[in-house]
Amino acid sequence: MANEGSAESVDVDELLDRAGFDADRSILTRRQAEVLALRERDVRQADIADLLGTSRANVSSVESSARDNVEKARETVAFAEALSAPVRIEIAAGTDLYDVPDRVYDACDAAEVKVNHTAPDLMKLVSDEAGDAVRGREVVAPILVGITSTGSVRVRRSE
């Protein structure tokens, strides 16, 4: 029996079927989905190239494009969720991160939306998701904090 990381041990069609891949509804091409599925199973790019009858450089390019597409899809979903979130709070540059939880809780109370984070957790989440828009305790670039109807928090830079 081949090991987990070998291309021969993976039936790519079955793997894509089990994962529910539908080329008509995905932003990934079938080849991108195949490469990602195999890479997620720790199959080396050289082995994937042999299996698919192409070069390792081509597999690397396909994988890079696929990962870029996945990131763009995530960003699109985050943008759509931020637009439709019933609670949206704009946090201006210069705001102390310690002031953010009270603003979020007040806005959620007014909208009757429950946020499932303690103040320290909320500050960490905002800081982590805002990236370089937060430095230490200071919001250095405007951000938008959105809370979905299920209480999920979404943070985006707001230019």
C-alpha atoms as a PDB file:
ATOM      1  CA  MET A   1       0.000   0.000   0.000  1.00  0.00           C
ATOM      2  CA  ALA A   2       1.343   3.466  -0.886  1.00  0.00           C
ATOM      3  CA  ASN A   3       1.881   6.030   1.854  1.00  0.00           C
ATOM      4  CA  GLU A   4      -0.351   9.052   2.457  1.00  0.00           C
ATOM      5  CA  GLY A   5       1.990  11.418   0.632  1.00  0.00           C
ATOM      6  CA  SER A   6       2.227   9.463  -2.620  1.00  0.00           C
ATOM      7  CA  ALA A   7       0.231  10.393  -5.680  1.00  0.00           C
ATOM      8  CA  GLU A   8      -0.584   6.761  -6.469  1.00  0.00           C
ATOM      9  CA  SER A   9      -2.513   6.346  -3.202  1.00  0.00           C
ATOM     10  CA  VAL A  10      -4.993   9.122  -4.005  1.00  0.00           C
ATOM     11  CA  ASP A  11      -7.961   8.846  -6.372  1.00  0.00           C
ATOM     12  CA  VAL A  12      -8.281  12.518  -7.302  1.00  0.00           C
ATOM     13  CA  ASP A  13     -11.736  12.169  -8.886  1.00  0.00           C
ATOM     14  CA  GLU A  14     -13.094  10.467  -5.768  1.00  0.00           C
ATOM     15  CA  LEU A  15     -11.434  13.061  -3.545  1.00  0.00           C
ATOM     16  CA  LEU A  16     -13.005  15.952  -5.457  1.00  0.00           C
ATOM     17  CA  ASP A  17     -16.395  14.209  -5.498  1.00  0.00           C
ATOM     18  CA  ARG A  18     -16.288  13.639  -1.722  1.00  0.00           C
ATOM     19  CA  ALA A  19     -15.374  17.286  -1.166  1.00  0.00           C
ATOM     20  CA  GLY A  20     -18.288  18.386  -3.367  1.00  0.00           C
ATOM     21  CA  PHE A  21     -16.208  20.100  -6.036  1.00  0.00           C
ATOM     22  CA  ASP A  22     -18.360  21.514  -8.830  1.00  0.00           C
ATOM     23  CA  ALA A  23     -16.361  23.272 -11.554  1.00  0.00           C
ATOM     24  CA  ASP A  24     -19.449  25.203 -12.674  1.00  0.00           C
ATOM     25  CA  ARG A  25     -19.889  26.748  -9.221  1.00  0.00           C
ATOM     26  CA  SER A  26     -16.264  27.174  -8.167  1.00  0.00           C
ATOM     27  CA  ILE A  27     -13.764  29.905  -8.901  1.00  0.00           C
ATOM     28  CA  LEU A  28     -11.153  27.155  -9.093  1.00  0.00           C
ATOM     29  CA  THR A  29     -10.506  25.311 -12.307  1.00  0.00           C
ATOM     30  CA  ARG A  30     -10.614  21.534 -12.126  1.00  0.00           C
ATOM     31  CA  ARG A  31      -6.810  21.420 -12.463  1.00  0.00           C
ATOM     32  CA  GLN A  32      -6.412  23.881  -9.574  1.00  0.00           C
ATOM     33  CA  ALA A  33      -8.751  21.770  -7.440  1.00  0.00           C
ATOM     34  CA  GLU A  34      -6.806  18.619  -8.318  1.00  0.00           C
ATOM     35  CA  VAL A  35      -3.487  20.189  -7.385  1.00  0.00           C
ATOM     36  CA  LEU A  36      -4.823  21.606  -4.102  1.00  0.00           C
ATOM     37  CA  ALA A  37      -6.460  18.295  -3.189  1.00  0.00           C
ATOM     38  CA  LEU A  38      -3.204  16.438  -3.748  1.00  0.00           C
ATOM     39  CA  ARG A  39      -1.083  19.039  -1.951  1.00  0.00           C
ATOM     40  CA  GLU A  40      -3.449  18.872   1.050  1.00  0.00           C
ATOM     41  CA  ARG A  41      -2.628  15.142   1.138  1.00  0.00           C
ATOM     42  CA  ASP A  42       1.109  16.000   1.331  1.00  0.00           C
ATOM     43  CA  VAL A  43       1.820  14.845  -2.212  1.00  0.00           C
ATOM     44  CA  ARG A  44       4.994  16.475  -3.551  1.00  0.00           C
ATOM     45  CA  GLN A  45       4.737  18.803  -6.528  1.00  0.00           C
ATOM     46  CA  ALA A  46       7.103  16.585  -8.556  1.00  0.00           C
ATOM     47  CA  ASP A  47       4.827  13.570  -7.963  1.00  0.00           C
ATOM     48  CA  ILE A  48       1.765  15.595  -8.925  1.00  0.00           C
ATOM     49  CA  ALA A  49       3.533  16.668 -12.130  1.00  0.00           C
ATOM     50  CA  ASP A  50       4.218  13.020 -12.984  1.00  0.00           C
ATOM     51  CA  LEU A  51       0.612  12.036 -12.236  1.00  0.00           C
ATOM     52  CA  LEU A  52      -0.842  14.879 -14.310  1.00  0.00           C
ATOM     53  CA  GLY A  53       1.717  14.672 -17.114  1.00  0.00           C
ATOM     54  CA  THR A  54       3.097  18.165 -16.691  1.00  0.00           C
ATOM     55  CA  SER A  55       6.127  19.930 -15.220  1.00  0.00           C
ATOM     56  CA  ARG A  56       6.798  20.645 -11.563  1.00  0.00           C
ATOM     57  CA  ALA A  57       7.018  24.361 -12.473  1.00  0.00           C
ATOM     58  CA  ASN A  58       3.519  24.183 -13.970  1.00  0.00           C
ATOM     59  CA  VAL A  59       2.188  22.463 -10.850  1.00  0.00           C
ATOM     60  CA  SER A  60       3.781  25.198  -8.725  1.00  0.00           C
ATOM     61  CA  SER A  61       2.151  27.894 -10.886  1.00  0.00           C
ATOM     62  CA  VAL A  62      -1.266  26.173 -10.761  1.00  0.00           C
ATOM     63  CA  GLU A  63      -1.013  25.795  -6.984  1.00  0.00           C
ATOM     64  CA  SER A  64      -0.047  29.443  -6.539  1.00  0.00           C
ATOM     65  CA  SER A  65      -2.966  30.610  -8.714  1.00  0.00           C
ATOM     66  CA  ALA A  66      -5.353  28.323  -6.831  1.00  0.00           C
ATOM     67  CA  ARG A  67      -4.248  29.646  -3.440  1.00  0.00           C
ATOM     68  CA  ASP A  68      -4.587  33.229  -4.727  1.00  0.00           C
ATOM     69  CA  ASN A  69      -8.131  32.431  -5.921  1.00  0.00           C
ATOM     70  CA  VAL A  70      -9.033  30.895  -2.550  1.00  0.00           C
ATOM     71  CA  GLU A  71      -7.753  34.010  -0.746  1.00  0.00           C
ATOM     72  CA  LYS A  72      -9.731  36.264  -3.105  1.00  0.00           C
ATOM     73  CA  ALA A  73     -12.851  34.182  -2.445  1.00  0.00           C
ATOM     74  CA  ARG A  74     -12.347  34.538   1.316  1.00  0.00           C
ATOM     75  CA  GLU A  75     -11.894  38.285   0.931  1.00  0.00           C
ATOM     76  CA  THR A  76     -15.057  38.497  -1.184  1.00  0.00           C
ATOM     77  CA  VAL A  77     -17.071  36.608   1.427  1.00  0.00           C
ATOM     78  CA  ALA A  78     -15.684  38.812   4.216  1.00  0.00           C
ATOM     79  CA  PHE A  79     -16.605  41.920   2.202  1.00  0.00           C
ATOM     80  CA  ALA A  80     -20.147  40.640   1.567  1.00  0.00           C
ATOM     81  CA  GLU A  81     -20.590  39.737   5.234  1.00  0.00           C
ATOM     82  CA  ALA A  82     -19.365  43.183   6.289  1.00  0.00           C
ATOM     83  CA  LEU A  83     -21.865  44.827   3.947  1.00  0.00           C
ATOM     84  CA  SER A  84     -24.780  42.784   5.226  1.00  0.00           C
ATOM     85  CA  ALA A  85     -23.867  42.681   8.921  1.00  0.00           C
ATOM     86  CA  PRO A  86     -26.657  44.179  11.041  1.00  0.00           C
ATOM     87  CA  VAL A  87     -24.040  45.820  13.266  1.00  0.00           C
ATOM     88  CA  ARG A  88     -21.260  47.868  11.703  1.00  0.00           C
ATOM     89  CA  ILE A  89     -18.986  50.071  13.761  1.00  0.00           C
ATOM     90  CA  GLU A  90     -16.429  52.359  12.189  1.00  0.00           C
ATOM     91  CA  ILE A  91     -13.362  52.712  14.361  1.00  0.00           C
ATOM     92  CA  ALA A  92     -11.311  55.818  13.597  1.00  0.00           C
ATOM     93  CA  ALA A  93      -7.540  55.989  13.567  1.00  0.00           C
ATOM     94  CA  GLY A  94      -6.289  57.115  16.964  1.00  0.00           C
ATOM     95  CA  THR A  95      -8.866  55.043  18.889  1.00  0.00           C
ATOM     96  CA  ASP A  96      -7.592  53.096  21.891  1.00  0.00           C
ATOM     97  CA  LEU A  97      -8.156  49.368  21.303  1.00  0.00           C
ATOM     98  CA  TYR A  98      -9.450  49.129  24.892  1.00  0.00           C
ATOM     99  CA  ASP A  99     -12.424  51.341  23.884  1.00  0.00           C
ATOM    100  CA  VAL A 100     -13.512  49.023  21.048  1.00  0.00           C
ATOM    101  CA  PRO A 101     -15.344  46.319  23.085  1.00  0.00           C
ATOM    102  CA  ASP A 102     -17.703  48.831  24.754  1.00  0.00           C
ATOM    103  CA  ARG A 103     -18.533  50.362  21.367  1.00  0.00           C
ATOM    104  CA  VAL A 104     -19.209  46.898  19.943  1.00  0.00           C
ATOM    105  CA  TYR A 105     -21.325  45.819  22.935  1.00  0.00           C
ATOM    106  CA  ASP A 106     -23.354  49.062  22.865  1.00  0.00           C
ATOM    107  CA  ALA A 107     -24.059  48.743  19.128  1.00  0.00           C
ATOM    108  CA  CYS A 108     -24.955  45.056  19.517  1.00  0.00           C
ATOM    109  CA  ASP A 109     -27.306  45.835  22.409  1.00  0.00           C
ATOM    110  CA  ALA A 110     -29.047  48.500  20.321  1.00  0.00           C
ATOM    111  CA  ALA A 111     -29.476  46.049  17.424  1.00  0.00           C
ATOM    112  CA  GLU A 112     -30.372  43.138  19.745  1.00  0.00           C
ATOM    113  CA  VAL A 113     -27.450  41.089  18.429  1.00  0.00           C
ATOM    114  CA  LYS A 114     -25.453  38.918  20.794  1.00  0.00           C
ATOM    115  CA  VAL A 115     -21.676  38.909  20.400  1.00  0.00           C
ATOM    116  CA  ASN A 116     -20.025  35.821  21.849  1.00  0.00           C
ATOM    117  CA  HIS A 117     -16.677  37.278  22.912  1.00  0.00           C
ATOM    118  CA  THR A 118     -15.323  38.641  26.165  1.00  0.00           C
ATOM    119  CA  ALA A 119     -13.691  42.073  26.003  1.00  0.00           C
ATOM    120  CA  PRO A 120     -10.118  40.659  25.977  1.00  0.00           C
ATOM    121  CA  ASP A 121     -11.060  38.110  23.286  1.00  0.00           C
ATOM    122  CA  LEU A 122     -12.726  40.821  21.223  1.00  0.00           C
ATOM    123  CA  MET A 123      -9.677  43.098  21.467  1.00  0.00           C
ATOM    124  CA  LYS A 124      -7.378  40.258  20.378  1.00  0.00           C
ATOM    125  CA  LEU A 125      -9.674  39.304  17.512  1.00  0.00           C
ATOM    126  CA  VAL A 126      -9.900  42.904  16.288  1.00  0.00           C
ATOM    127  CA  SER A 127      -6.149  43.380  16.608  1.00  0.00           C
ATOM    128  CA  ASP A 128      -5.355  40.111  14.809  1.00  0.00           C
ATOM    129  CA  GLU A 129      -7.824  40.629  11.962  1.00  0.00           C
ATOM    130  CA  ALA A 130      -6.996  44.320  11.489  1.00  0.00           C
ATOM    131  CA  GLY A 131      -3.360  43.470  10.798  1.00  0.00           C
ATOM    132  CA  ASP A 132      -1.167  46.549  10.559  1.00  0.00           C
ATOM    133  CA  ALA A 133      -4.173  48.848  11.119  1.00  0.00           C
ATOM    134  CA  VAL A 134      -3.630  48.230  14.853  1.00  0.00           C
ATOM    135  CA  ARG A 135      -0.307  48.786  16.592  1.00  0.00           C
ATOM    136  CA  GLY A 136      -0.195  47.872  20.262  1.00  0.00           C
ATOM    137  CA  ARG A 137      -3.257  49.489  21.819  1.00  0.00           C
ATOM    138  CA  GLU A 138      -3.791  52.049  19.057  1.00  0.00           C
ATOM    139  CA  VAL A 139      -5.907  51.803  15.939  1.00  0.00           C
ATOM    140  CA  VAL A 140      -3.595  53.523  13.433  1.00  0.00           C
ATOM    141  CA  ALA A 141      -5.803  53.186  10.333  1.00  0.00           C
ATOM    142  CA  PRO A 142      -9.613  53.235  10.156  1.00  0.00           C
ATOM    143  CA  ILE A 143     -11.283  49.850  10.524  1.00  0.00           C
ATOM    144  CA  LEU A 144     -14.812  48.542  10.226  1.00  0.00           C
ATOM    145  CA  VAL A 145     -16.039  46.019  12.766  1.00  0.00           C
ATOM    146  CA  GLY A 146     -19.096  44.095  11.622  1.00  0.00           C
ATOM    147  CA  ILE A 147     -21.112  41.646  13.698  1.00  0.00           C
ATOM    148  CA  THR A 148     -23.327  39.182  11.867  1.00  0.00           C
ATOM    149  CA  SER A 149     -26.766  38.168  13.101  1.00  0.00           C
ATOM    150  CA  THR A 150     -25.160  35.016  14.547  1.00  0.00           C
ATOM    151  CA  GLY A 151     -22.631  37.062  16.540  1.00  0.00           C
ATOM    152  CA  SER A 152     -19.603  36.452  14.336  1.00  0.00           C
ATOM    153  CA  VAL A 153     -17.169  39.352  14.265  1.00  0.00           C
ATOM    154  CA  ARG A 154     -15.671  40.535  10.975  1.00  0.00           C
ATOM    155  CA  VAL A 155     -12.940  43.164  10.851  1.00  0.00           C
ATOM    156  CA  ARG A 156     -11.825  45.043   7.755  1.00  0.00           C
ATOM    157  CA  ARG A 157      -9.652  48.003   6.993  1.00  0.00           C
ATOM    158  CA  SER A 158     -11.790  50.966   6.044  1.00  0.00           C
ATOM    159  CA  GLU A 159     -10.030  53.488   3.822  1.00  0.00           C
END
